[in-house]
C-alpha cells in the first residue's frame, strides 16, 4: 500500500503545473548564471565557473530558494486532502497512518528531487556555450555534479521537506506553513550574521561559508567578473 500511495502522489505531482514552472525557472537561473555575466549565483574567487566548489556553492544557494517549491509539494499533500474532505475518508479505511502519510511524503519528496535535477543540468549545459571565455571553464566531470547534488543538495531538500511536511501536518494550513518558511529564513539569516561577526564562532562560520550565503565581501567585489582560472 505504501508503494501504491507513493506512486500515486508522484504521478499527481508530475502533472502539477507547479512542478513544470519550478523546473523551467530553476533551469533558466542556473543556465543564465553560467552563460551570462548579468546573473551571478555565489561564485567569487579565482576559480573556474564549473569548478567543484562553484558547483556545490550554486547548489546550496539554490536550495534556500527551493524551500518554497519544496513546501508547495509536501504541504499540499496534507492541505488538499483536508480541504477536499478526502483525508477523513482515507483515515476511516484500513489504510495505515504510516502508509498514508509517508507514502504521500515520499511521492512529494521524489517530485521535489526530480525538479531540482535541472540545477546540475543547467550548470552543465551553460558551461558548454561557445561564447564563454575558455579560461573561465574547466573540464566537466560527472563526479562534480553528482557530489553537489547527492551529498549537499539532496539531504538539504530532504530535511526541508520533512520539516515543513511536519508543520503542514500540525497546522493543516498552507499559509501557516509558508509563514514557517519565512521565519526559518529570517532565523537562518540572523544566525549567519551573528556567527559572521563574532570571532569565537569562526569555526562555525568556516563550516557554513561553503553555502556562499550571505555573500562574503570578496564575493560582492568580484561580482560579474569572468576572468578566472583553476
Protein backbone atom coordinates (compact mmCIF):
# COMPACT_ATOMS: atom_id res chain seq x y z
CA UNK A 1 0.00 0.00 0.00
CA UNK A 2 2.87 2.35 0.82
CA UNK A 3 4.33 1.94 -2.67
CA UNK A 4 0.99 2.49 -4.40
CA UNK A 5 0.32 5.68 -2.44
CA UNK A 6 3.84 6.97 -3.16
CA UNK A 7 3.44 6.27 -6.90
CA UNK A 8 0.02 7.95 -6.93
CA UNK A 9 1.42 11.06 -5.23
CA UNK A 10 4.43 11.21 -7.55
CA UNK A 11 2.16 10.90 -10.58
CA UNK A 12 -0.04 13.70 -9.23
CA UNK A 13 2.92 16.00 -8.58
CA UNK A 14 4.37 15.41 -12.04
CA UNK A 15 1.07 16.57 -13.54
CA UNK A 16 1.01 19.63 -11.29
CA UNK A 17 1.85 22.90 -13.12
CA UNK A 18 3.96 23.96 -10.12
CA UNK A 19 6.41 21.18 -10.94
CA UNK A 20 6.97 22.34 -14.50
CA UNK A 21 7.06 26.05 -13.66
CA UNK A 22 9.68 25.39 -10.97
CA UNK A 23 11.84 23.27 -13.29
CA UNK A 24 11.80 25.92 -16.01
CA UNK A 25 12.61 28.77 -13.60
CA UNK A 26 15.48 26.98 -11.86
CA UNK A 27 16.91 25.73 -15.14
CA UNK A 28 16.93 29.26 -16.55
CA UNK A 29 18.52 30.61 -13.36
CA UNK A 30 21.39 28.13 -13.39
CA UNK A 31 21.86 28.27 -17.14
CA UNK A 32 21.90 32.06 -17.03
CA UNK A 33 24.36 32.12 -14.13
CA UNK A 34 26.79 30.06 -16.20
CA UNK A 35 26.22 31.56 -19.64
CA UNK A 36 25.67 35.24 -18.82
CA UNK A 37 27.61 37.94 -16.98
CA UNK A 38 24.34 39.51 -15.83
CA UNK A 39 23.35 36.69 -13.44
CA UNK A 40 25.55 35.70 -10.51
CA UNK A 41 24.76 32.92 -8.04
CA UNK A 42 27.53 32.52 -5.49
CA UNK A 43 30.91 32.40 -7.16
CA UNK A 44 33.75 34.74 -6.40
CA UNK A 45 37.39 33.92 -6.09
CA UNK A 46 39.95 32.74 -8.60
CA UNK A 47 38.18 29.53 -9.63
CA UNK A 48 36.55 28.20 -12.77
CA UNK A 49 32.83 28.72 -13.20
CA UNK A 50 32.29 24.95 -13.24
CA UNK A 51 34.83 24.06 -10.55
CA UNK A 52 33.66 21.65 -7.83
CA UNK A 53 33.40 24.38 -5.18
CA UNK A 54 31.45 26.69 -7.53
CA UNK A 55 29.02 23.90 -8.44
CA UNK A 56 28.45 22.97 -4.78
CA UNK A 57 28.04 26.62 -3.84
CA UNK A 58 25.39 27.17 -6.51
CA UNK A 59 23.50 24.04 -5.42
CA UNK A 60 23.42 25.11 -1.78
CA UNK A 61 22.34 28.67 -2.51
CA UNK A 62 19.50 27.49 -4.72
CA UNK A 63 18.28 25.05 -2.07
CA UNK A 64 17.39 28.12 0.00
CA UNK A 65 15.13 29.47 -2.73
CA UNK A 66 13.89 25.98 -3.49
CA UNK A 67 12.36 25.83 0.01
CA UNK A 68 9.22 27.48 -1.31
CA UNK A 69 8.93 24.94 -4.12
CA UNK A 70 9.57 22.03 -1.77
CA UNK A 71 6.95 23.35 0.63
CA UNK A 72 4.44 23.64 -2.20
CA UNK A 73 4.96 19.94 -2.93
CA UNK A 74 4.93 18.44 0.56
CA UNK A 75 2.49 20.78 2.31
CA UNK A 76 -0.04 20.45 -0.48
CA UNK A 77 -0.17 16.71 0.26
CA UNK A 78 -1.87 17.31 3.62
CA UNK A 79 -3.77 20.51 2.96
CA UNK A 80 -5.52 19.43 -0.22
CA UNK A 81 -6.91 16.28 1.41
CA UNK A 82 -8.23 18.30 4.34
CA UNK A 83 -9.79 20.97 2.11
CA UNK A 84 -11.41 18.40 -0.19
CA UNK A 85 -12.62 16.22 2.68
CA UNK A 86 -10.72 13.25 1.29
CA UNK A 87 -8.42 12.96 4.33
CA UNK A 88 -11.10 11.84 6.81
CA UNK A 89 -12.36 9.28 4.27
CA UNK A 90 -8.88 7.77 3.96
CA UNK A 91 -8.46 7.64 7.72
CA UNK A 92 -11.72 5.73 8.04
CA UNK A 93 -10.40 2.92 5.82
CA UNK A 94 -7.88 0.20 6.60
CA UNK A 95 -5.02 2.23 5.17
CA UNK A 96 -2.48 2.68 7.96
CA UNK A 97 -1.37 6.14 9.04
CA UNK A 98 2.21 5.24 8.14
CA UNK A 99 1.33 4.21 4.58
CA UNK A 100 -0.88 7.25 4.08
CA UNK A 101 1.45 9.93 5.46
CA UNK A 102 4.82 8.54 4.48
CA UNK A 103 3.59 7.32 1.11
CA UNK A 104 2.35 10.80 0.27
CA UNK A 105 5.51 12.39 1.66
CA UNK A 106 7.77 10.04 -0.32
CA UNK A 107 5.99 10.78 -3.59
CA UNK A 108 6.16 14.55 -3.00
CA UNK A 109 9.82 14.40 -1.98
CA UNK A 110 10.77 12.43 -5.10
CA UNK A 111 8.98 15.04 -7.21
CA UNK A 112 10.96 17.82 -5.49
CA UNK A 113 14.20 15.90 -6.00
CA UNK A 114 13.43 15.41 -9.70
CA UNK A 115 12.62 19.10 -10.12
CA UNK A 116 15.95 20.10 -8.58
CA UNK A 117 17.83 17.94 -11.11
CA UNK A 118 17.55 20.85 -13.55
CA UNK A 119 20.12 22.72 -11.43
CA UNK A 120 23.11 20.49 -12.34
CA UNK A 121 21.66 20.14 -15.83
CA UNK A 122 21.52 23.92 -16.26
CA UNK A 123 25.08 24.33 -14.97
CA UNK A 124 26.40 21.67 -17.34
CA UNK A 125 24.59 22.97 -20.43
CA UNK A 126 25.53 26.56 -19.58
CA UNK A 127 29.20 25.63 -19.32
CA UNK A 128 29.11 24.31 -22.90
CA UNK A 129 28.06 27.59 -24.50
CA UNK A 130 30.54 28.63 -27.23
CA UNK A 131 30.65 32.32 -26.30
CA UNK A 132 32.18 31.69 -22.86
CA UNK A 133 35.83 32.51 -22.26
CA UNK A 134 37.65 29.13 -22.30
CA UNK A 135 39.91 30.35 -19.48
CA UNK A 136 36.93 30.52 -17.12
CA UNK A 137 35.72 26.99 -17.83
CA UNK A 138 37.39 23.80 -16.68
CA UNK A 139 36.81 20.18 -17.57
CA UNK A 140 33.33 18.82 -16.86
CA UNK A 141 33.36 15.76 -14.64
CA UNK A 142 30.22 13.87 -13.69
CA UNK A 143 31.52 13.45 -10.13
CA UNK A 144 31.45 17.24 -9.56
CA UNK A 145 27.73 17.37 -10.26
CA UNK A 146 26.93 14.06 -8.54
CA UNK A 147 28.62 15.08 -5.28
CA UNK A 148 26.99 18.52 -5.31
CA UNK A 149 23.55 17.02 -5.90
CA UNK A 150 23.58 13.83 -3.84
CA UNK A 151 25.86 14.85 -0.97
CA UNK A 152 24.91 18.50 -0.49
CA UNK A 153 21.63 19.42 -2.20
CA UNK A 154 19.54 16.28 -1.76
CA UNK A 155 19.99 15.97 2.04
CA UNK A 156 19.07 19.66 2.37
CA UNK A 157 15.93 19.15 0.29
CA UNK A 158 15.02 16.10 2.38
CA UNK A 159 15.43 17.96 5.68
CA UNK A 160 13.37 20.89 4.44
CA UNK A 161 10.71 18.55 3.09
CA UNK A 162 10.45 16.68 6.39
CA UNK A 163 10.38 19.88 8.45
CA UNK A 164 7.63 21.64 6.54
CA UNK A 165 5.67 18.45 5.96
CA UNK A 166 5.52 18.19 9.75
CA UNK A 167 4.43 21.83 10.01
CA UNK A 168 1.68 21.28 7.44
CA UNK A 169 0.55 18.12 9.24
CA UNK A 170 0.25 20.02 12.51
CA UNK A 171 -1.32 23.25 11.20
CA UNK A 172 -3.32 21.90 8.22
CA UNK A 173 -2.71 25.30 6.60
CA UNK A 174 -0.62 26.39 3.62
CA UNK A 175 -0.48 29.94 4.96
CA UNK A 176 0.98 28.91 8.32
CA UNK A 177 3.42 26.60 6.56
CA UNK A 178 4.72 29.40 4.36
CA UNK A 179 4.94 31.65 7.42
CA UNK A 180 7.15 28.96 8.96
CA UNK A 181 9.33 29.01 5.83
CA UNK A 182 9.79 32.78 6.08
CA UNK A 183 10.58 32.56 9.80
CA UNK A 184 13.11 29.84 9.08
CA UNK A 185 14.87 32.02 6.50
CA UNK A 186 14.87 35.02 8.85
CA UNK A 187 16.34 32.93 11.67
CA UNK A 188 18.92 31.48 9.29
CA UNK A 189 19.97 34.95 8.08
CA UNK A 190 20.16 36.23 11.66
CA UNK A 191 22.23 33.26 12.79
CA UNK A 192 24.64 33.65 9.87
CA UNK A 193 25.03 37.36 10.62
CA UNK A 194 25.78 36.71 14.30
CA UNK A 195 28.22 33.93 13.51
CA UNK A 196 29.94 36.09 10.92
CA UNK A 197 30.58 38.96 13.34
CA UNK A 198 31.71 37.01 16.41
CA UNK A 199 35.33 35.76 16.38
CA UNK A 200 34.51 32.90 18.76
CA UNK A 201 32.24 31.44 16.09
CA UNK A 202 34.94 31.46 13.39
CA UNK A 203 34.96 27.66 13.10
CA UNK A 204 31.19 27.52 12.54
CA UNK A 205 31.48 30.35 10.03
CA UNK A 206 34.12 28.38 8.14
CA UNK A 207 31.89 25.30 8.05
CA UNK A 208 28.91 27.26 6.74
CA UNK A 209 30.79 29.54 4.36
CA UNK A 210 30.65 26.90 1.61
CA UNK A 211 26.99 27.77 1.08
CA UNK A 212 28.07 31.22 -0.16
CA UNK A 213 25.18 32.91 1.65
CA UNK A 214 25.24 35.56 2.93
CA UNK A 215 27.96 36.58 0.43
CA UNK A 216 31.35 37.48 1.74
CA UNK A 217 32.98 40.82 0.86
CA UNK A 218 35.16 39.14 -1.77
CA UNK A 219 32.09 37.68 -3.42
CA UNK A 220 30.44 41.08 -3.61
CA UNK A 221 33.57 42.66 -5.07
CA UNK A 222 34.15 40.07 -7.77
CA UNK A 223 30.54 40.25 -8.96
CA UNK A 224 30.23 39.56 -12.68
CA UNK A 225 33.96 39.09 -13.23
CA UNK A 226 34.61 36.15 -15.54
CA UNK A 227 38.40 36.09 -15.75
CA UNK A 228 39.04 33.10 -13.51
CA UNK A 229 41.49 30.25 -13.62
CA UNK A 230 41.71 26.88 -11.95
